[in-house]
N, C-alpha and C. Protein backbone atom coordinates (compact mmCIF):
# COMPACT_ATOMS: atom_id res chain seq x y z
N MET A 1 -48.06 -74.20 -12.09
CA MET A 1 -48.03 -73.99 -10.47
C MET A 1 -47.99 -72.42 -10.35
N THR A 2 -48.82 -71.90 -9.28
CA THR A 2 -49.04 -70.64 -8.97
C THR A 2 -47.79 -69.87 -8.59
N LYS A 3 -47.97 -68.68 -8.54
CA LYS A 3 -46.83 -67.60 -7.85
C LYS A 3 -47.09 -67.98 -6.35
N GLU A 4 -48.16 -67.73 -5.89
CA GLU A 4 -48.60 -68.12 -4.40
C GLU A 4 -48.46 -69.55 -3.87
N VAL A 5 -47.76 -69.80 -2.88
CA VAL A 5 -47.85 -71.23 -2.70
C VAL A 5 -47.83 -71.59 -0.99
N ILE A 6 -48.29 -72.81 -0.70
CA ILE A 6 -48.19 -73.19 0.60
C ILE A 6 -47.10 -74.15 0.55
N ILE A 7 -45.99 -73.94 1.78
CA ILE A 7 -44.75 -74.73 1.60
C ILE A 7 -44.87 -75.56 2.95
N ALA A 8 -44.65 -77.04 2.85
CA ALA A 8 -44.54 -77.90 3.96
C ALA A 8 -43.19 -78.59 3.97
N ILE A 9 -42.93 -78.45 5.23
CA ILE A 9 -41.36 -78.78 5.40
C ILE A 9 -41.30 -79.81 6.61
N LYS A 10 -40.87 -80.88 6.43
CA LYS A 10 -40.68 -81.81 7.52
C LYS A 10 -39.43 -82.60 7.42
N GLY A 11 -38.53 -82.62 8.56
CA GLY A 11 -37.56 -83.24 8.78
C GLY A 11 -37.59 -83.95 9.74
N LEU A 12 -36.90 -85.17 9.59
CA LEU A 12 -36.58 -86.39 10.39
C LEU A 12 -35.09 -86.56 10.64
N GLN A 13 -34.91 -86.77 11.95
CA GLN A 13 -33.56 -87.36 12.34
C GLN A 13 -33.62 -88.66 12.73
N PHE A 14 -32.57 -89.63 12.28
CA PHE A 14 -32.65 -90.79 12.94
C PHE A 14 -31.31 -91.23 13.91
N VAL A 15 -31.52 -91.22 14.95
CA VAL A 15 -30.23 -91.19 15.99
C VAL A 15 -30.49 -92.86 16.70
N ASP A 16 -29.72 -93.75 16.57
CA ASP A 16 -29.94 -95.05 17.18
C ASP A 16 -31.36 -95.41 16.89
N ASP A 17 -32.21 -95.59 18.05
CA ASP A 17 -33.34 -96.02 17.60
C ASP A 17 -34.41 -95.04 17.88
N ASP A 18 -34.29 -93.99 17.95
CA ASP A 18 -34.83 -92.85 18.00
C ASP A 18 -35.06 -92.20 16.88
N ASN A 19 -36.38 -91.66 16.49
CA ASN A 19 -36.55 -90.63 15.58
C ASN A 19 -37.12 -89.38 15.73
N ASP A 20 -36.68 -88.34 15.43
CA ASP A 20 -36.94 -86.90 15.86
C ASP A 20 -37.58 -86.16 14.54
N SER A 21 -38.90 -85.89 14.62
CA SER A 21 -39.60 -84.99 13.55
C SER A 21 -40.11 -83.63 13.93
N VAL A 22 -39.87 -83.02 12.86
CA VAL A 22 -40.21 -81.28 13.01
C VAL A 22 -41.00 -81.14 11.82
N GLU A 23 -42.08 -80.35 11.79
CA GLU A 23 -42.80 -80.05 10.39
C GLU A 23 -43.06 -78.74 10.57
N PHE A 24 -42.96 -77.98 9.47
CA PHE A 24 -43.17 -76.35 9.36
C PHE A 24 -44.15 -76.32 7.89
N ILE A 25 -45.26 -75.49 8.25
CA ILE A 25 -46.04 -75.07 7.07
C ILE A 25 -46.17 -73.63 7.18
N THR A 26 -45.92 -73.03 5.87
CA THR A 26 -45.99 -71.55 5.65
C THR A 26 -46.54 -71.12 4.13
N ASN A 27 -46.84 -69.86 4.13
CA ASN A 27 -47.10 -69.47 2.72
C ASN A 27 -45.72 -68.81 2.26
N GLY A 28 -45.71 -68.80 0.89
CA GLY A 28 -44.39 -68.55 0.16
C GLY A 28 -44.86 -68.08 -1.22
N LEU A 29 -43.60 -67.68 -1.90
CA LEU A 29 -43.86 -67.18 -3.47
C LEU A 29 -43.08 -68.36 -4.09
N TYR A 30 -43.45 -68.88 -5.34
CA TYR A 30 -42.60 -69.80 -6.23
C TYR A 30 -42.52 -69.19 -7.52
N TYR A 31 -41.29 -69.42 -8.06
CA TYR A 31 -40.94 -69.11 -9.50
C TYR A 31 -40.12 -70.08 -10.00
N LEU A 32 -40.52 -70.40 -11.33
CA LEU A 32 -39.62 -71.41 -12.17
C LEU A 32 -38.75 -70.43 -13.29
N LYS A 33 -37.65 -70.12 -13.24
CA LYS A 33 -36.76 -69.59 -14.13
C LYS A 33 -35.47 -70.30 -14.71
N ASN A 34 -35.37 -70.29 -15.67
CA ASN A 34 -34.10 -71.06 -16.44
C ASN A 34 -33.88 -72.48 -15.85
N GLY A 35 -34.82 -72.93 -15.82
CA GLY A 35 -34.89 -74.65 -15.38
C GLY A 35 -34.59 -74.62 -13.78
N LYS A 36 -34.67 -73.72 -13.25
CA LYS A 36 -34.49 -73.60 -11.58
C LYS A 36 -36.05 -73.32 -10.86
N HIS A 37 -36.18 -74.07 -10.06
CA HIS A 37 -37.12 -73.79 -9.08
C HIS A 37 -36.65 -72.68 -7.86
N TYR A 38 -37.51 -71.69 -7.52
CA TYR A 38 -37.30 -70.71 -6.53
C TYR A 38 -38.37 -70.70 -5.52
N VAL A 39 -38.04 -70.84 -4.24
CA VAL A 39 -39.11 -70.59 -3.36
C VAL A 39 -38.62 -69.77 -2.18
N LEU A 40 -39.51 -68.66 -2.06
CA LEU A 40 -39.00 -67.70 -0.93
C LEU A 40 -40.50 -67.62 0.14
N TYR A 41 -39.85 -67.79 1.37
CA TYR A 41 -40.85 -67.56 2.51
C TYR A 41 -40.01 -67.32 3.88
N ASP A 42 -40.67 -66.62 4.82
CA ASP A 42 -40.36 -66.22 5.95
C ASP A 42 -40.74 -67.50 7.06
N GLU A 43 -39.40 -67.56 7.98
CA GLU A 43 -39.61 -68.62 8.93
C GLU A 43 -39.48 -67.83 10.44
N ILE A 44 -40.51 -68.08 11.16
CA ILE A 44 -40.36 -67.28 12.64
C ILE A 44 -39.43 -68.16 13.42
N VAL A 45 -38.52 -67.52 14.12
CA VAL A 45 -37.63 -68.24 15.10
C VAL A 45 -38.07 -68.03 16.40
N GLU A 46 -38.35 -69.00 17.11
CA GLU A 46 -38.73 -68.74 18.53
C GLU A 46 -37.77 -67.82 19.29
N GLY A 47 -38.67 -66.90 20.06
CA GLY A 47 -38.17 -66.06 20.83
C GLY A 47 -37.50 -64.86 20.03
N TYR A 48 -37.83 -64.65 19.13
CA TYR A 48 -37.07 -63.17 18.10
C TYR A 48 -38.22 -62.71 17.50
N ASN A 49 -38.16 -61.54 17.50
CA ASN A 49 -39.34 -60.80 16.55
C ASN A 49 -39.18 -60.71 15.08
N GLU A 50 -37.81 -60.83 14.59
CA GLU A 50 -37.68 -60.86 13.10
C GLU A 50 -37.85 -62.09 12.56
N PRO A 51 -38.32 -62.35 11.36
CA PRO A 51 -38.20 -63.65 10.95
C PRO A 51 -36.88 -63.94 10.13
N ALA A 52 -36.68 -65.13 9.86
CA ALA A 52 -35.66 -65.51 8.85
C ALA A 52 -36.04 -65.50 7.52
N LYS A 53 -35.42 -64.91 6.71
CA LYS A 53 -35.63 -64.85 5.20
C LYS A 53 -35.13 -65.96 4.31
N ASN A 54 -35.95 -67.15 3.99
CA ASN A 54 -35.73 -68.13 3.38
C ASN A 54 -35.87 -67.99 1.94
N THR A 55 -34.91 -69.00 1.19
CA THR A 55 -34.91 -69.16 -0.15
C THR A 55 -34.56 -70.52 -0.49
N ILE A 56 -35.12 -71.05 -1.20
CA ILE A 56 -34.72 -72.64 -1.79
C ILE A 56 -34.66 -72.34 -3.21
N ILE A 57 -33.59 -73.01 -3.54
CA ILE A 57 -33.35 -73.05 -5.21
C ILE A 57 -32.90 -74.46 -5.52
N PHE A 58 -33.64 -75.10 -6.38
CA PHE A 58 -33.30 -76.53 -6.89
C PHE A 58 -33.72 -76.72 -8.32
N ASN A 59 -32.89 -77.68 -8.70
CA ASN A 59 -33.14 -78.31 -10.14
C ASN A 59 -32.84 -79.70 -9.86
N ASP A 60 -32.84 -80.55 -11.02
CA ASP A 60 -32.36 -81.84 -11.04
C ASP A 60 -31.20 -82.38 -10.33
N GLU A 61 -30.23 -81.50 -10.33
CA GLU A 61 -28.87 -81.68 -9.77
C GLU A 61 -28.48 -81.36 -8.32
N LYS A 62 -29.03 -80.14 -8.04
CA LYS A 62 -28.78 -79.22 -6.64
C LYS A 62 -29.84 -78.82 -5.96
N PHE A 63 -29.92 -78.92 -4.57
CA PHE A 63 -30.91 -78.18 -3.79
C PHE A 63 -30.48 -77.39 -2.86
N GLU A 64 -30.73 -76.22 -2.76
CA GLU A 64 -29.98 -75.01 -1.87
C GLU A 64 -31.13 -74.44 -1.05
N MET A 65 -30.49 -74.31 0.49
CA MET A 65 -31.48 -73.58 1.01
C MET A 65 -30.65 -72.38 1.76
N ILE A 66 -31.07 -71.18 1.74
CA ILE A 66 -30.46 -70.15 2.05
C ILE A 66 -31.33 -69.35 3.20
N LYS A 67 -30.59 -69.29 4.38
CA LYS A 67 -31.50 -68.33 5.52
C LYS A 67 -30.70 -67.15 5.91
N LYS A 68 -31.61 -65.91 5.98
CA LYS A 68 -30.78 -64.90 6.10
C LYS A 68 -31.65 -64.11 7.31
N GLY A 69 -30.85 -63.37 8.28
CA GLY A 69 -31.56 -62.86 9.30
C GLY A 69 -31.24 -63.26 10.78
N VAL A 70 -31.99 -63.58 11.45
CA VAL A 70 -31.98 -64.34 12.83
C VAL A 70 -30.81 -65.30 12.66
N ILE A 71 -31.03 -66.21 11.65
CA ILE A 71 -30.26 -67.50 11.36
C ILE A 71 -29.75 -67.15 9.88
N ASN A 72 -28.43 -67.40 9.85
CA ASN A 72 -27.71 -67.21 8.36
C ASN A 72 -27.21 -68.83 7.93
N THR A 73 -27.39 -69.05 6.91
CA THR A 73 -26.75 -70.44 6.32
C THR A 73 -26.91 -70.21 5.01
N HIS A 74 -26.01 -71.06 4.31
CA HIS A 74 -26.52 -71.40 2.87
C HIS A 74 -26.21 -73.03 2.66
N MET A 75 -27.08 -73.91 2.81
CA MET A 75 -26.98 -75.40 2.75
C MET A 75 -27.04 -75.82 1.46
N VAL A 76 -26.17 -76.78 0.81
CA VAL A 76 -26.36 -77.39 -0.14
C VAL A 76 -26.36 -78.74 -0.37
N PHE A 77 -27.44 -79.38 -0.97
CA PHE A 77 -27.37 -80.94 -0.99
C PHE A 77 -27.09 -81.19 -2.36
N GLU A 78 -26.34 -81.98 -2.86
CA GLU A 78 -25.98 -82.58 -4.06
C GLU A 78 -25.74 -84.18 -3.76
N GLU A 79 -26.34 -84.92 -4.53
CA GLU A 79 -26.19 -86.35 -4.54
C GLU A 79 -25.03 -86.77 -4.39
N ARG A 80 -24.67 -87.91 -3.70
CA ARG A 80 -23.25 -88.44 -3.45
C ARG A 80 -22.10 -87.27 -3.35
N LYS A 81 -22.28 -86.05 -2.72
CA LYS A 81 -21.32 -85.06 -2.30
C LYS A 81 -21.73 -84.54 -0.97
N LYS A 82 -20.43 -84.20 -0.30
CA LYS A 82 -20.30 -83.75 0.94
C LYS A 82 -20.32 -82.11 0.85
N ASN A 83 -21.18 -81.33 1.54
CA ASN A 83 -20.94 -80.09 1.49
C ASN A 83 -20.98 -79.60 2.77
N SER A 84 -19.93 -78.24 3.07
CA SER A 84 -19.92 -77.75 4.32
C SER A 84 -20.22 -76.18 4.46
N THR A 85 -20.82 -75.85 5.52
CA THR A 85 -21.24 -74.37 5.63
C THR A 85 -21.22 -74.09 7.00
N TYR A 86 -21.34 -72.93 7.57
CA TYR A 86 -21.59 -72.36 8.77
C TYR A 86 -22.97 -72.25 8.90
N TYR A 87 -23.43 -72.37 10.06
CA TYR A 87 -24.97 -72.30 10.48
C TYR A 87 -24.84 -71.15 11.37
N GLU A 88 -24.99 -69.93 11.29
CA GLU A 88 -24.94 -68.62 12.03
C GLU A 88 -26.13 -68.43 13.23
N MET A 89 -25.95 -68.62 14.51
CA MET A 89 -27.27 -68.05 15.02
C MET A 89 -26.66 -67.14 16.03
N PRO A 90 -27.74 -66.54 16.87
CA PRO A 90 -27.52 -65.61 17.70
C PRO A 90 -26.62 -65.97 18.88
N PHE A 91 -26.72 -67.19 18.99
CA PHE A 91 -25.81 -67.70 20.36
C PHE A 91 -24.41 -68.28 19.94
N GLY A 92 -24.02 -68.51 18.52
CA GLY A 92 -22.97 -68.79 18.21
C GLY A 92 -22.97 -69.51 16.81
N ASN A 93 -21.95 -70.11 16.16
CA ASN A 93 -21.96 -70.70 14.97
C ASN A 93 -21.54 -71.94 15.17
N LEU A 94 -21.99 -72.78 14.09
CA LEU A 94 -21.68 -74.19 14.07
C LEU A 94 -21.23 -74.50 12.60
N MET A 95 -20.35 -75.56 12.41
CA MET A 95 -19.96 -75.79 11.38
C MET A 95 -20.93 -77.16 11.10
N ILE A 96 -21.55 -76.80 9.80
CA ILE A 96 -22.50 -78.07 9.32
C ILE A 96 -21.77 -78.80 7.87
N GLU A 97 -21.87 -79.97 7.94
CA GLU A 97 -21.49 -80.94 6.85
C GLU A 97 -22.78 -81.50 6.49
N THR A 98 -23.20 -81.81 5.27
CA THR A 98 -24.16 -82.54 4.64
C THR A 98 -23.75 -83.53 3.98
N ASN A 99 -23.86 -84.88 3.92
CA ASN A 99 -23.12 -85.92 3.15
C ASN A 99 -24.47 -86.29 2.49
N THR A 100 -24.92 -85.74 1.14
CA THR A 100 -26.22 -86.18 0.59
C THR A 100 -26.42 -87.58 -0.15
N LYS A 101 -27.18 -88.46 0.27
CA LYS A 101 -27.17 -89.81 -0.36
C LYS A 101 -28.11 -89.92 -1.24
N GLN A 102 -29.29 -88.98 -1.30
CA GLN A 102 -30.29 -88.96 -2.27
C GLN A 102 -31.23 -87.84 -2.31
N VAL A 103 -31.44 -87.53 -3.61
CA VAL A 103 -32.25 -86.30 -3.97
C VAL A 103 -33.48 -86.75 -4.94
N ASN A 104 -34.85 -86.87 -4.60
CA ASN A 104 -35.74 -86.96 -5.20
C ASN A 104 -36.66 -85.84 -5.51
N ILE A 105 -37.06 -85.67 -6.82
CA ILE A 105 -37.83 -84.49 -7.05
C ILE A 105 -39.18 -85.19 -7.80
N ALA A 106 -40.31 -84.90 -7.42
CA ALA A 106 -41.47 -85.24 -8.09
C ALA A 106 -42.33 -84.02 -8.44
N GLU A 107 -42.79 -83.88 -9.70
CA GLU A 107 -43.45 -82.77 -10.24
C GLU A 107 -44.71 -83.15 -10.61
N LYS A 108 -45.97 -82.44 -10.15
CA LYS A 108 -47.15 -82.49 -10.76
C LYS A 108 -47.75 -81.19 -11.19
N GLU A 109 -48.72 -80.81 -11.81
CA GLU A 109 -49.16 -79.62 -12.25
C GLU A 109 -49.09 -78.65 -11.23
N ASP A 110 -49.81 -78.89 -10.09
CA ASP A 110 -50.03 -77.84 -8.91
C ASP A 110 -48.92 -78.15 -7.75
N GLU A 111 -48.07 -79.12 -7.86
CA GLU A 111 -47.14 -79.40 -6.49
C GLU A 111 -45.91 -79.97 -7.24
N VAL A 112 -44.67 -79.58 -6.09
CA VAL A 112 -43.56 -80.19 -6.30
C VAL A 112 -43.16 -80.72 -4.98
N THR A 113 -42.54 -81.92 -4.97
CA THR A 113 -42.14 -82.54 -3.52
C THR A 113 -40.59 -82.85 -3.72
N VAL A 114 -39.71 -82.50 -2.97
CA VAL A 114 -38.23 -82.74 -2.96
C VAL A 114 -38.05 -83.51 -1.69
N THR A 115 -37.77 -84.62 -1.66
CA THR A 115 -37.14 -85.53 -0.46
C THR A 115 -35.42 -85.70 -0.63
N ILE A 116 -34.87 -85.40 0.48
CA ILE A 116 -33.52 -85.48 0.59
C ILE A 116 -33.16 -86.44 1.58
N LYS A 117 -32.12 -87.32 1.45
CA LYS A 117 -31.61 -88.12 2.63
C LYS A 117 -30.01 -87.71 2.65
N TYR A 118 -30.02 -87.79 3.87
CA TYR A 118 -28.51 -87.01 4.09
C TYR A 118 -27.76 -87.37 5.48
N GLY A 119 -26.52 -87.52 5.76
CA GLY A 119 -25.71 -87.66 6.91
C GLY A 119 -25.54 -86.36 7.64
N LEU A 120 -25.75 -85.95 8.67
CA LEU A 120 -25.34 -84.38 9.10
C LEU A 120 -24.24 -84.60 10.21
N ASP A 121 -23.18 -83.92 9.88
CA ASP A 121 -21.91 -83.64 10.78
C ASP A 121 -22.27 -82.38 11.50
N VAL A 122 -22.07 -82.04 12.65
CA VAL A 122 -22.01 -80.72 13.20
C VAL A 122 -20.56 -80.85 14.02
N ASN A 123 -19.91 -79.55 13.69
CA ASN A 123 -18.37 -79.15 14.11
C ASN A 123 -17.52 -80.53 13.94
N TYR A 124 -17.84 -81.23 13.04
CA TYR A 124 -16.84 -82.39 12.41
C TYR A 124 -17.26 -83.62 13.17
N VAL A 125 -18.43 -83.70 14.04
CA VAL A 125 -18.85 -85.01 14.50
C VAL A 125 -20.21 -85.31 13.94
N PHE A 126 -20.28 -86.57 13.51
CA PHE A 126 -21.43 -87.34 13.05
C PHE A 126 -22.61 -87.10 14.09
N VAL A 127 -23.80 -86.66 13.59
CA VAL A 127 -24.80 -86.52 14.44
C VAL A 127 -25.85 -87.05 14.14
N ALA A 128 -26.45 -87.45 12.86
CA ALA A 128 -27.55 -88.18 12.85
C ALA A 128 -27.80 -88.64 11.11
N ASP A 129 -28.25 -89.41 10.76
CA ASP A 129 -28.85 -89.60 9.37
C ASP A 129 -30.17 -88.97 9.64
N CYS A 130 -30.64 -88.32 8.39
CA CYS A 130 -31.54 -87.24 8.46
C CYS A 130 -32.48 -87.49 7.06
N GLU A 131 -33.65 -86.83 6.92
CA GLU A 131 -34.28 -86.88 5.88
C GLU A 131 -35.28 -85.58 5.88
N ILE A 132 -35.26 -84.83 5.00
CA ILE A 132 -36.25 -83.68 4.56
C ILE A 132 -37.10 -83.76 3.56
N THR A 133 -38.33 -83.36 3.73
CA THR A 133 -39.18 -83.53 2.65
C THR A 133 -39.84 -81.99 2.34
N VAL A 134 -39.52 -81.37 1.55
CA VAL A 134 -40.12 -80.08 0.87
C VAL A 134 -41.39 -80.24 0.20
N LYS A 135 -42.54 -79.70 0.46
CA LYS A 135 -43.79 -79.93 -0.63
C LYS A 135 -44.27 -78.77 -0.74
N ILE A 136 -44.33 -78.24 -2.13
CA ILE A 136 -44.74 -76.93 -2.46
C ILE A 136 -46.05 -76.93 -3.30
N LYS A 137 -47.24 -76.41 -2.89
CA LYS A 137 -48.40 -76.70 -3.68
C LYS A 137 -48.74 -75.41 -4.07
N SER A 138 -49.31 -75.39 -5.05
CA SER A 138 -50.20 -74.03 -5.41
C SER A 138 -51.18 -73.73 -4.27
N LYS A 139 -51.33 -72.30 -4.05
CA LYS A 139 -52.27 -71.98 -2.87
C LYS A 139 -53.65 -72.60 -3.26
N ASN A 140 -53.95 -72.24 -4.56
CA ASN A 140 -55.47 -72.35 -4.98
C ASN A 140 -55.91 -73.92 -4.95
N ALA A 141 -54.71 -74.92 -5.00
CA ALA A 141 -54.77 -76.45 -4.65
C ALA A 141 -55.26 -76.79 -3.33
N GLU A 142 -54.58 -75.91 -2.35
CA GLU A 142 -54.71 -76.07 -0.85
C GLU A 142 -55.90 -75.48 -0.57
N GLU A 143 -56.45 -74.65 -1.08
CA GLU A 143 -57.97 -74.07 -0.84
C GLU A 143 -58.84 -75.06 -1.39
N LEU A 144 -58.71 -75.90 -2.30
CA LEU A 144 -59.55 -76.98 -2.68
C LEU A 144 -59.29 -78.22 -1.81
N GLY A 145 -58.48 -78.16 -0.87
CA GLY A 145 -58.23 -79.34 0.14
C GLY A 145 -57.47 -80.33 -0.44
N LEU A 146 -56.48 -79.65 -1.22
CA LEU A 146 -55.55 -80.97 -1.71
C LEU A 146 -54.30 -81.00 -1.21
N MET A 147 -54.40 -80.34 0.14
CA MET A 147 -52.80 -80.07 0.82
C MET A 147 -52.85 -81.43 1.54
N GLY A 148 -51.82 -82.46 1.65
CA GLY A 148 -51.83 -83.31 2.43
C GLY A 148 -51.02 -84.62 1.75
C-alpha cells in the first residue's frame, strides 16, 4: 500500500423499514506501524471553513476514529463491546454509545476494507443499527481505475 491513498467511507443506518446512506470520498495518508494501520484525512463540515482533522487507527482487535476541529470525538469499535464517548459539535455535545456487533478487515496488496456493524445510542437512547465501510486504496490503484 502506498502512503498516498483514496479513502471511501460509507455509512448506513437501519431504522424500522428505512435505510439512510451517506458516502464520503477523499484523499489521505496511510501508514502501517507496529501492526496498526493509520489513516489521516481532512473532512469538510458543511457550513464551516475549517475542516475536521481525522485519524483512523485499527488492527485486528480495535477500530478507532478520531476527529479534531469543528467536530471532536474519539469513537472506538471493538467486537462485542459497548464504548461511550462525547461527540462535540459547534451547537452542542451528544453522548454516543456504540455497541459493536462485528468488525471485518479484508486486506489486499493495494487495498484495505473495514466493515463495522454496530448499534448506535445517542444520549442513552437507541437510535439505529448501523454499518460503516471504510475502503482505503493506494492512489496509484485508483488512477488505474481500480476504485469501486
